[in-house]
């Protein structure tokens, strides 16, 4: 599995920022803005699981009845990501799935793939390679980045929010094109499923908890940048 990508702006300081959180907590918007302002690369690890789910479905594989077939596919897939903030271009085995990975149908399928531990192990190894290839100048977001993928990150944040607020945010992102049942499935059910293989409900030791329920995006971004500035000032 390979992933050519464009790293962040070259700089003198290595800085890895890991941001975890449940669906709709604001981690993607926060991560992109933080990466842009600090001149870092940006990796949305959720897009990797979504791309894998798209390709599994495209090949007619049912990951619940044949998880090994899903593992074999991910192990040999050519997954290509653009890590420039705001680009989010994703291609797997030559198929551009940039739009498909954000569709409600994909959201309904992704947990079945993402909860297969060997799939997580393969993608985790790939994520770590991307971090190293960026020169360790990157913002990485996902479910278990602070604890599994980048436990040695310079800044580790768990971003949370009230479920009702998260559902409203996700609905706004999708332009209101998803009914409440689909929205609850995307937010509540996925969190429940993913929690079987990833811990993102409470911060691990050394991880800063930020509750964005009553904060604006700008306020959250400023808090994360403040944590990064504190790290750099100690060097």
Protein backbone atom coordinates (compact mmCIF):
# COMPACT_ATOMS: atom_id res chain seq x y z
CA UNK A 1 0.00 0.00 0.00
CA UNK A 2 1.50 3.32 -1.03
CA UNK A 3 0.48 6.93 -0.60
CA UNK A 4 2.36 9.69 -2.43
CA UNK A 5 1.38 12.98 -0.87
CA UNK A 6 2.41 16.58 -0.44
CA UNK A 7 3.79 17.48 2.97
CA UNK A 8 3.43 20.77 4.78
CA UNK A 9 5.57 23.85 4.36
CA UNK A 10 9.20 23.20 5.30
CA UNK A 11 10.21 24.65 8.64
CA UNK A 12 12.78 24.47 11.37
CA UNK A 13 10.54 22.82 13.95
CA UNK A 14 9.08 19.37 13.91
CA UNK A 15 5.55 19.44 15.23
CA UNK A 16 3.06 16.57 15.31
CA UNK A 17 -0.43 17.47 16.50
CA UNK A 18 -2.81 14.57 17.18
CA UNK A 19 -6.54 15.29 17.43
CA UNK A 20 -9.05 12.61 18.38
CA UNK A 21 -12.79 12.84 18.77
CA UNK A 22 -16.19 11.38 17.97
CA UNK A 23 -18.14 12.14 14.78
CA UNK A 24 -19.23 15.76 14.49
CA UNK A 25 -16.97 17.04 17.26
CA UNK A 26 -15.33 19.48 14.85
CA UNK A 27 -11.98 17.74 14.57
CA UNK A 28 -11.77 17.91 10.77
CA UNK A 29 -12.50 21.63 10.52
CA UNK A 30 -10.20 22.32 13.44
CA UNK A 31 -7.39 20.18 12.06
CA UNK A 32 -7.48 21.78 8.61
CA UNK A 33 -7.37 25.30 10.01
CA UNK A 34 -4.62 24.52 12.50
CA UNK A 35 -2.55 22.87 9.76
CA UNK A 36 -3.08 25.81 7.43
CA UNK A 37 -2.10 28.42 10.00
CA UNK A 38 0.96 26.55 11.21
CA UNK A 39 2.16 25.49 7.77
CA UNK A 40 1.74 21.79 8.46
CA UNK A 41 0.46 18.83 6.48
CA UNK A 42 -2.99 17.47 7.36
CA UNK A 43 -4.02 13.84 7.52
CA UNK A 44 -7.66 12.86 7.96
CA UNK A 45 -7.29 9.22 8.92
CA UNK A 46 -11.04 8.70 8.70
CA UNK A 47 -10.80 9.19 4.94
CA UNK A 48 -8.48 6.19 4.80
CA UNK A 49 -11.04 3.93 6.46
CA UNK A 50 -13.76 5.39 4.25
CA UNK A 51 -11.73 4.77 1.11
CA UNK A 52 -11.14 1.18 2.20
CA UNK A 53 -14.88 0.74 2.82
CA UNK A 54 -15.66 2.13 -0.65
CA UNK A 55 -13.27 -0.28 -2.31
CA UNK A 56 -14.48 -3.25 -0.28
CA UNK A 57 -18.04 -2.50 -1.40
CA UNK A 58 -16.89 -1.90 -4.99
CA UNK A 59 -15.33 -5.37 -5.06
CA UNK A 60 -18.52 -6.95 -3.70
CA UNK A 61 -16.96 -8.02 -0.41
CA UNK A 62 -19.08 -8.31 2.73
CA UNK A 63 -16.64 -7.52 5.58
CA UNK A 64 -18.98 -8.99 8.19
CA UNK A 65 -19.07 -12.45 6.61
CA UNK A 66 -15.62 -12.42 4.97
CA UNK A 67 -13.34 -10.12 6.99
CA UNK A 68 -10.20 -11.78 5.62
CA UNK A 69 -11.12 -10.72 2.09
CA UNK A 70 -11.35 -7.14 3.35
CA UNK A 71 -7.95 -7.46 5.03
CA UNK A 72 -6.38 -8.87 1.85
CA UNK A 73 -7.81 -6.04 -0.22
CA UNK A 74 -6.52 -3.34 2.13
CA UNK A 75 -3.10 -5.00 2.31
CA UNK A 76 -2.65 -4.71 -1.46
CA UNK A 77 -4.60 -1.52 -2.18
CA UNK A 78 -2.89 1.49 -3.73
CA UNK A 79 -4.22 4.31 -1.54
CA UNK A 80 -3.13 7.81 -2.49
CA UNK A 81 -3.79 10.90 -0.37
CA UNK A 82 -3.08 14.60 -0.75
CA UNK A 83 -2.12 15.95 2.67
CA UNK A 84 -2.20 19.63 1.76
CA UNK A 85 -4.77 21.25 4.09
CA UNK A 86 -8.12 21.65 2.40
CA UNK A 87 -7.37 19.41 -0.58
CA UNK A 88 -8.48 16.04 0.84
CA UNK A 89 -8.06 14.24 -2.50
CA UNK A 90 -8.35 10.44 -2.14
CA UNK A 91 -7.73 7.78 -4.80
CA UNK A 92 -7.73 4.02 -4.19
CA UNK A 93 -6.65 1.51 -6.83
CA UNK A 94 -6.98 4.23 -9.47
CA UNK A 95 -10.53 5.22 -8.46
CA UNK A 96 -11.13 8.78 -7.28
CA UNK A 97 -13.33 8.36 -4.21
CA UNK A 98 -13.01 11.91 -2.88
CA UNK A 99 -16.75 12.52 -3.14
CA UNK A 100 -17.89 8.96 -2.51
CA UNK A 101 -16.25 8.71 0.90
CA UNK A 102 -18.48 11.53 2.19
CA UNK A 103 -21.76 9.99 1.04
CA UNK A 104 -24.23 8.69 3.68
CA UNK A 105 -24.04 5.22 2.12
CA UNK A 106 -20.31 5.11 2.85
CA UNK A 107 -20.85 6.28 6.42
CA UNK A 108 -23.20 3.35 6.92
CA UNK A 109 -20.54 0.88 5.73
CA UNK A 110 -17.32 2.18 7.20
CA UNK A 111 -17.55 0.74 10.72
CA UNK A 112 -17.84 -2.81 9.36
CA UNK A 113 -14.38 -2.35 7.83
CA UNK A 114 -12.85 -0.08 10.47
CA UNK A 115 -13.62 -2.51 13.29
CA UNK A 116 -11.56 -5.32 11.72
CA UNK A 117 -8.37 -5.20 13.77
CA UNK A 118 -5.95 -6.37 11.03
CA UNK A 119 -7.34 -3.59 8.79
CA UNK A 120 -6.66 -1.08 11.56
CA UNK A 121 -3.13 -2.45 11.96
CA UNK A 122 -2.42 -2.05 8.23
CA UNK A 123 -3.77 1.49 8.07
CA UNK A 124 -2.05 2.47 11.33
CA UNK A 125 1.31 1.47 9.84
CA UNK A 126 0.51 3.54 6.77
CA UNK A 127 -0.47 6.55 8.91
CA UNK A 128 2.83 6.38 10.74
CA UNK A 129 4.72 6.33 7.44
CA UNK A 130 2.85 9.44 6.33
CA UNK A 131 3.81 11.20 9.57
CA UNK A 132 7.47 10.37 9.02
CA UNK A 133 7.33 11.32 5.34
CA UNK A 134 5.95 14.73 6.30
CA UNK A 135 9.11 15.41 8.26
CA UNK A 136 6.98 15.09 11.39
CA UNK A 137 5.28 18.38 10.53
CA UNK A 138 1.64 17.35 10.43
CA UNK A 139 -1.79 17.51 12.06
CA UNK A 140 -3.32 14.03 12.28
CA UNK A 141 -6.99 13.53 13.17
CA UNK A 142 -9.04 10.46 13.88
CA UNK A 143 -10.29 8.14 16.61
CA UNK A 144 -7.16 6.75 18.28
CA UNK A 145 -4.38 9.02 17.08
CA UNK A 146 -3.37 10.23 20.55
CA UNK A 147 -3.18 6.70 21.97
CA UNK A 148 -2.26 4.30 19.15
CA UNK A 149 -1.05 6.04 15.99
CA UNK A 150 0.91 8.95 17.48
CA UNK A 151 1.14 8.52 21.25
CA UNK A 152 4.41 10.51 21.09
CA UNK A 153 2.81 13.51 19.33
CA UNK A 154 3.95 16.92 20.58
CA UNK A 155 0.34 18.03 21.09
CA UNK A 156 -2.42 15.52 21.90
CA UNK A 157 -6.04 16.66 22.02
CA UNK A 158 -9.38 14.94 22.52
CA UNK A 159 -12.12 17.10 21.04
CA UNK A 160 -15.65 16.34 22.24
CA UNK A 161 -19.11 17.90 22.06
CA UNK A 162 -22.68 17.20 23.12
CA UNK A 163 -24.32 14.59 20.80
CA UNK A 164 -27.16 16.97 19.83
CA UNK A 165 -24.63 19.60 18.83
CA UNK A 166 -22.62 17.05 16.88
CA UNK A 167 -25.70 15.93 14.95
CA UNK A 168 -26.59 19.54 14.12
CA UNK A 169 -23.07 20.24 12.89
CA UNK A 170 -22.99 17.16 10.70
CA UNK A 171 -26.41 18.02 9.25
CA UNK A 172 -25.16 21.51 8.38
CA UNK A 173 -22.04 20.05 6.73
CA UNK A 174 -24.22 17.83 4.54
CA UNK A 175 -26.60 20.64 3.64
CA UNK A 176 -29.57 19.05 5.39
CA UNK A 177 -29.72 16.23 2.86
CA UNK A 178 -29.77 13.46 5.47
CA UNK A 179 -32.81 12.53 7.56
CA UNK A 180 -32.61 12.24 11.33
CA UNK A 181 -32.45 8.43 11.31
CA UNK A 182 -29.45 8.50 8.96
CA UNK A 183 -27.86 11.26 11.01
CA UNK A 184 -28.23 9.33 14.26
CA UNK A 185 -26.75 6.29 12.53
CA UNK A 186 -23.76 8.31 11.37
CA UNK A 187 -23.15 9.84 14.79
CA UNK A 188 -24.41 7.54 17.55
CA UNK A 189 -24.19 4.11 15.96
CA UNK A 190 -20.76 4.69 14.45
CA UNK A 191 -19.41 5.95 17.77
CA UNK A 192 -20.77 2.85 19.49
CA UNK A 193 -19.32 0.48 16.88
CA UNK A 194 -15.94 2.18 16.70
CA UNK A 195 -15.63 2.29 20.49
CA UNK A 196 -15.17 -1.50 20.42
CA UNK A 197 -11.72 -1.05 18.86
CA UNK A 198 -10.85 2.58 19.65
CA UNK A 199 -11.05 4.59 22.87
CA UNK A 200 -12.12 8.18 22.23
CA UNK A 201 -14.70 8.86 24.95
CA UNK A 202 -12.24 10.13 27.55
CA UNK A 203 -8.70 11.52 27.34
CA UNK A 204 -5.71 9.30 28.00
CA UNK A 205 -3.01 10.60 30.36
CA UNK A 206 -1.28 13.60 28.83
CA UNK A 207 -4.12 14.32 26.40
CA UNK A 208 -5.85 17.71 26.62
CA UNK A 209 -9.65 17.56 26.64
CA UNK A 210 -11.46 20.33 24.73
CA UNK A 211 -15.26 20.42 24.86
CA UNK A 212 -16.40 22.35 21.80
CA UNK A 213 -20.12 22.32 22.66
CA UNK A 214 -20.17 26.03 23.50
CA UNK A 215 -17.07 27.10 21.62
CA UNK A 216 -16.80 28.54 18.14
CA UNK A 217 -14.51 26.92 15.61
CA UNK A 218 -12.14 29.86 15.95
CA UNK A 219 -11.97 29.43 19.72
CA UNK A 220 -11.13 25.74 19.36
CA UNK A 221 -8.46 26.48 16.76
CA UNK A 222 -6.89 29.11 19.01
CA UNK A 223 -6.76 26.67 21.91
CA UNK A 224 -4.96 24.05 19.85
CA UNK A 225 -2.53 26.61 18.43
CA UNK A 226 -1.92 27.82 21.98
CA UNK A 227 -0.91 24.29 22.98
CA UNK A 228 1.44 24.12 19.98
CA UNK A 229 2.98 27.49 20.80
CA UNK A 230 3.62 26.32 24.36
CA UNK A 231 5.46 23.25 23.06
CA UNK A 232 7.60 25.28 20.66
CA UNK A 233 8.43 27.90 23.31
CA UNK A 234 9.97 25.20 25.52
CA UNK A 235 12.42 24.10 22.83
